[in-house]
C-alpha atoms as a PDB file:
ATOM      1  CA  MET A   1      32.728 -61.105 -19.423  1.00  0.00           C
ATOM      2  CA  ASN A   2      30.059 -61.242 -22.408  1.00  0.00           C
ATOM      3  CA  THR A   3      30.887 -58.175 -24.771  1.00  0.00           C
ATOM      4  CA  VAL A   4      29.212 -56.474 -27.879  1.00  0.00           C
ATOM      5  CA  SER A   5      31.941 -55.015 -29.815  1.00  0.00           C
ATOM      6  CA  ILE A   6      31.452 -52.653 -32.656  1.00  0.00           C
ATOM      7  CA  ARG A   7      34.762 -51.590 -34.500  1.00  0.00           C
ATOM      8  CA  GLU A   8      35.525 -48.621 -36.765  1.00  0.00           C
ATOM      9  CA  LEU A   9      32.018 -46.959 -36.980  1.00  0.00           C
ATOM     10  CA  ARG A  10      32.738 -44.179 -39.349  1.00  0.00           C
ATOM     11  CA  LEU A  11      30.258 -41.329 -38.762  1.00  0.00           C
ATOM     12  CA  ASN A  12      30.113 -37.662 -39.296  1.00  0.00           C
ATOM     13  CA  ALA A  13      30.273 -35.250 -36.386  1.00  0.00           C
ATOM     14  CA  TRP A  14      30.377 -31.622 -35.560  1.00  0.00           C
ATOM     15  CA  ILE A  15      33.494 -31.698 -33.467  1.00  0.00           C
ATOM     16  CA  GLY A  16      36.482 -29.310 -32.681  1.00  0.00           C
ATOM     17  CA  LEU A  17      37.455 -26.108 -31.046  1.00  0.00           C
ATOM     18  CA  TYR A  18      39.179 -24.483 -33.810  1.00  0.00           C
ATOM     19  CA  ARG A  19      37.372 -22.220 -36.502  1.00  0.00           C
ATOM     20  CA  HIS A  20      38.295 -24.529 -39.326  1.00  0.00           C
ATOM     21  CA  GLU A  21      36.721 -27.360 -37.455  1.00  0.00           C
ATOM     22  CA  LYS A  22      33.365 -25.476 -37.022  1.00  0.00           C
ATOM     23  CA  ILE A  23      32.717 -25.159 -40.732  1.00  0.00           C
ATOM     24  CA  ALA A  24      31.841 -28.653 -41.610  1.00  0.00           C
ATOM     25  CA  PRO A  25      31.427 -31.985 -39.710  1.00  0.00           C
ATOM     26  CA  GLN A  26      34.245 -34.271 -39.597  1.00  0.00           C
ATOM     27  CA  THR A  27      34.606 -37.979 -39.987  1.00  0.00           C
ATOM     28  CA  ILE A  28      35.251 -39.798 -36.816  1.00  0.00           C
ATOM     29  CA  ALA A  29      35.816 -43.475 -36.146  1.00  0.00           C
ATOM     30  CA  ILE A  30      34.271 -45.006 -32.841  1.00  0.00           C
ATOM     31  CA  ASP A  31      35.293 -48.456 -31.466  1.00  0.00           C
ATOM     32  CA  LEU A  32      32.873 -49.801 -28.605  1.00  0.00           C
ATOM     33  CA  GLU A  33      33.169 -52.648 -26.149  1.00  0.00           C
ATOM     34  CA  ILE A  34      29.771 -53.006 -24.389  1.00  0.00           C
ATOM     35  CA  ASP A  35      29.373 -55.467 -21.556  1.00  0.00           C
ATOM     36  CA  LEU A  36      26.193 -57.227 -21.427  1.00  0.00           C
ATOM     37  CA  PRO A  37      24.220 -56.862 -18.442  1.00  0.00           C
ATOM     38  CA  GLU A  38      23.495 -60.477 -18.046  1.00  0.00           C
ATOM     39  CA  ASP A  39      23.898 -63.764 -20.254  1.00  0.00           C
ATOM     40  CA  LYS A  40      20.083 -64.669 -20.758  1.00  0.00           C
ATOM     41  CA  VAL A  41      20.589 -64.314 -24.294  1.00  0.00           C
ATOM     42  CA  PHE A  42      22.782 -67.372 -24.397  1.00  0.00           C
ATOM     43  CA  ARG A  43      19.784 -69.581 -23.354  1.00  0.00           C
ATOM     44  CA  THR A  44      17.110 -67.747 -25.338  1.00  0.00           C
ATOM     45  CA  GLY A  45      18.538 -66.664 -28.618  1.00  0.00           C
ATOM     46  CA  LYS A  46      16.415 -63.692 -28.571  1.00  0.00           C
ATOM     47  CA  VAL A  47      17.654 -60.112 -29.515  1.00  0.00           C
ATOM     48  CA  ALA A  48      15.562 -58.656 -26.516  1.00  0.00           C
ATOM     49  CA  ASP A  49      17.843 -60.367 -24.371  1.00  0.00           C
ATOM     50  CA  THR A  50      21.035 -58.691 -25.469  1.00  0.00           C
ATOM     51  CA  ILE A  51      22.336 -55.353 -26.465  1.00  0.00           C
ATOM     52  CA  ASP A  52      21.308 -54.709 -30.237  1.00  0.00           C
ATOM     53  CA  TYR A  53      24.157 -53.022 -31.854  1.00  0.00           C
ATOM     54  CA  GLY A  54      21.866 -51.577 -34.345  1.00  0.00           C
ATOM     55  CA  VAL A  55      19.984 -49.684 -31.788  1.00  0.00           C
ATOM     56  CA  VAL A  56      23.367 -48.531 -30.059  1.00  0.00           C
ATOM     57  CA  VAL A  57      24.436 -47.284 -33.682  1.00  0.00           C
ATOM     58  CA  ARG A  58      21.033 -45.427 -34.230  1.00  0.00           C
ATOM     59  CA  ARG A  59      21.299 -43.574 -31.029  1.00  0.00           C
ATOM     60  CA  ILE A  60      24.926 -42.468 -31.376  1.00  0.00           C
ATOM     61  CA  LYS A  61      23.607 -41.171 -34.832  1.00  0.00           C
ATOM     62  CA  GLU A  62      21.021 -39.309 -32.876  1.00  0.00           C
ATOM     63  CA  LEU A  63      23.409 -37.935 -30.473  1.00  0.00           C
ATOM     64  CA  LEU A  64      25.744 -36.589 -33.211  1.00  0.00           C
ATOM     65  CA  ALA A  65      22.757 -34.924 -35.042  1.00  0.00           C
ATOM     66  CA  GLU A  66      21.497 -33.040 -31.895  1.00  0.00           C
ATOM     67  CA  GLU A  67      24.865 -31.825 -30.311  1.00  0.00           C
ATOM     68  CA  ARG A  68      28.113 -30.247 -31.192  1.00  0.00           C
ATOM     69  CA  PHE A  69      31.344 -31.453 -29.443  1.00  0.00           C
ATOM     70  CA  GLY A  70      34.624 -29.109 -28.755  1.00  0.00           C
ATOM     71  CA  LEU A  71      36.619 -32.331 -27.788  1.00  0.00           C
ATOM     72  CA  VAL A  72      36.807 -35.768 -28.409  1.00  0.00           C
ATOM     73  CA  GLU A  73      36.831 -36.610 -24.782  1.00  0.00           C
ATOM     74  CA  ASN A  74      33.655 -34.858 -24.366  1.00  0.00           C
ATOM     75  CA  LEU A  75      32.207 -37.042 -27.097  1.00  0.00           C
ATOM     76  CA  ALA A  76      33.287 -40.164 -25.644  1.00  0.00           C
ATOM     77  CA  GLU A  77      31.958 -39.362 -22.321  1.00  0.00           C
ATOM     78  CA  ARG A  78      28.608 -38.710 -23.789  1.00  0.00           C
ATOM     79  CA  ILE A  79      28.825 -41.955 -25.741  1.00  0.00           C
ATOM     80  CA  ALA A  80      29.592 -44.068 -22.707  1.00  0.00           C
ATOM     81  CA  SER A  81      27.029 -42.432 -20.426  1.00  0.00           C
ATOM     82  CA  LEU A  82      24.293 -43.129 -22.910  1.00  0.00           C
ATOM     83  CA  ILE A  83      25.218 -46.805 -23.424  1.00  0.00           C
ATOM     84  CA  LEU A  84      25.402 -47.199 -19.478  1.00  0.00           C
ATOM     85  CA  ALA A  85      21.967 -45.608 -19.050  1.00  0.00           C
ATOM     86  CA  ASP A  86      19.969 -46.645 -22.109  1.00  0.00           C
ATOM     87  CA  PHE A  87      21.316 -50.144 -22.341  1.00  0.00           C
ATOM     88  CA  ARG A  88      21.939 -50.915 -18.836  1.00  0.00           C
ATOM     89  CA  SER A  89      25.485 -52.103 -19.728  1.00  0.00           C
ATOM     90  CA  PRO A  90      27.526 -52.687 -16.495  1.00  0.00           C
ATOM     91  CA  ARG A  91      30.989 -51.406 -18.606  1.00  0.00           C
ATOM     92  CA  VAL A  92      31.742 -49.817 -21.492  1.00  0.00           C
ATOM     93  CA  LYS A  93      34.815 -48.784 -23.353  1.00  0.00           C
ATOM     94  CA  VAL A  94      34.758 -46.200 -25.750  1.00  0.00           C
ATOM     95  CA  SER A  95      37.224 -45.132 -28.480  1.00  0.00           C
ATOM     96  CA  VAL A  96      36.626 -41.942 -30.580  1.00  0.00           C
ATOM     97  CA  ALA A  97      39.110 -40.939 -33.116  1.00  0.00           C
ATOM     98  CA  LYS A  98      39.214 -37.790 -35.698  1.00  0.00           C
ATOM     99  CA  LEU A  99      40.787 -39.113 -38.984  1.00  0.00           C
ATOM    100  CA  GLY A 100      43.002 -37.183 -40.910  1.00  0.00           C
ATOM    101  CA  VAL A 101      43.482 -34.135 -38.761  1.00  0.00           C
ATOM    102  CA  LEU A 102      47.379 -34.036 -38.512  1.00  0.00           C
ATOM    103  CA  PRO A 103      49.185 -35.089 -41.532  1.00  0.00           C
ATOM    104  CA  GLU A 104      51.675 -37.095 -39.737  1.00  0.00           C
ATOM    105  CA  ALA A 105      49.115 -39.321 -38.159  1.00  0.00           C
ATOM    106  CA  LYS A 106      46.383 -41.501 -39.216  1.00  0.00           C
ATOM    107  CA  TYR A 107      44.176 -40.403 -36.490  1.00  0.00           C
ATOM    108  CA  VAL A 108      44.015 -38.772 -33.065  1.00  0.00           C
ATOM    109  CA  GLY A 109      41.647 -39.434 -30.287  1.00  0.00           C
ATOM    110  CA  VAL A 110      40.829 -40.913 -26.876  1.00  0.00           C
ATOM    111  CA  VAL A 111      39.911 -44.138 -25.111  1.00  0.00           C
ATOM    112  CA  ILE A 112      37.797 -44.167 -22.129  1.00  0.00           C
ATOM    113  CA  GLU A 113      36.296 -46.803 -19.996  1.00  0.00           C
ATOM    114  CA  ARG A 114      33.254 -46.282 -17.578  1.00  0.00           C
ATOM    115  CA  ARG A 115      31.292 -48.503 -15.092  1.00  0.00           C
ATOM    116  CA  SER A 116      27.769 -48.248 -14.122  1.00  0.00           C
ATOM    117  CA  ALA A 117      27.306 -46.999 -10.370  1.00  0.00           C
END
């Protein structure tokens, strides 16, 4: 399996159910494992034949600018759906963590894995 990884991508998101979470965006951390749809890039060396991680990050930033999320589960699902659809990845693993929301924990979050149909 050939995978593009992005680790500890820190972005601001409107996320949360509680009143105090709706007054300002929160910092989240995202980890991604994105399977490549094919191995052509290893022969060509062209970015057009892989999943461009810069484009992935740009699309996630656009998503976060356009939508508000109640649960980290919802955000993780939206990111997974976006990657499967827009980048033709056969499998993606998405971790979304809210940082500093519990004094006893470094972060809280979810990890999901999805496959294309």
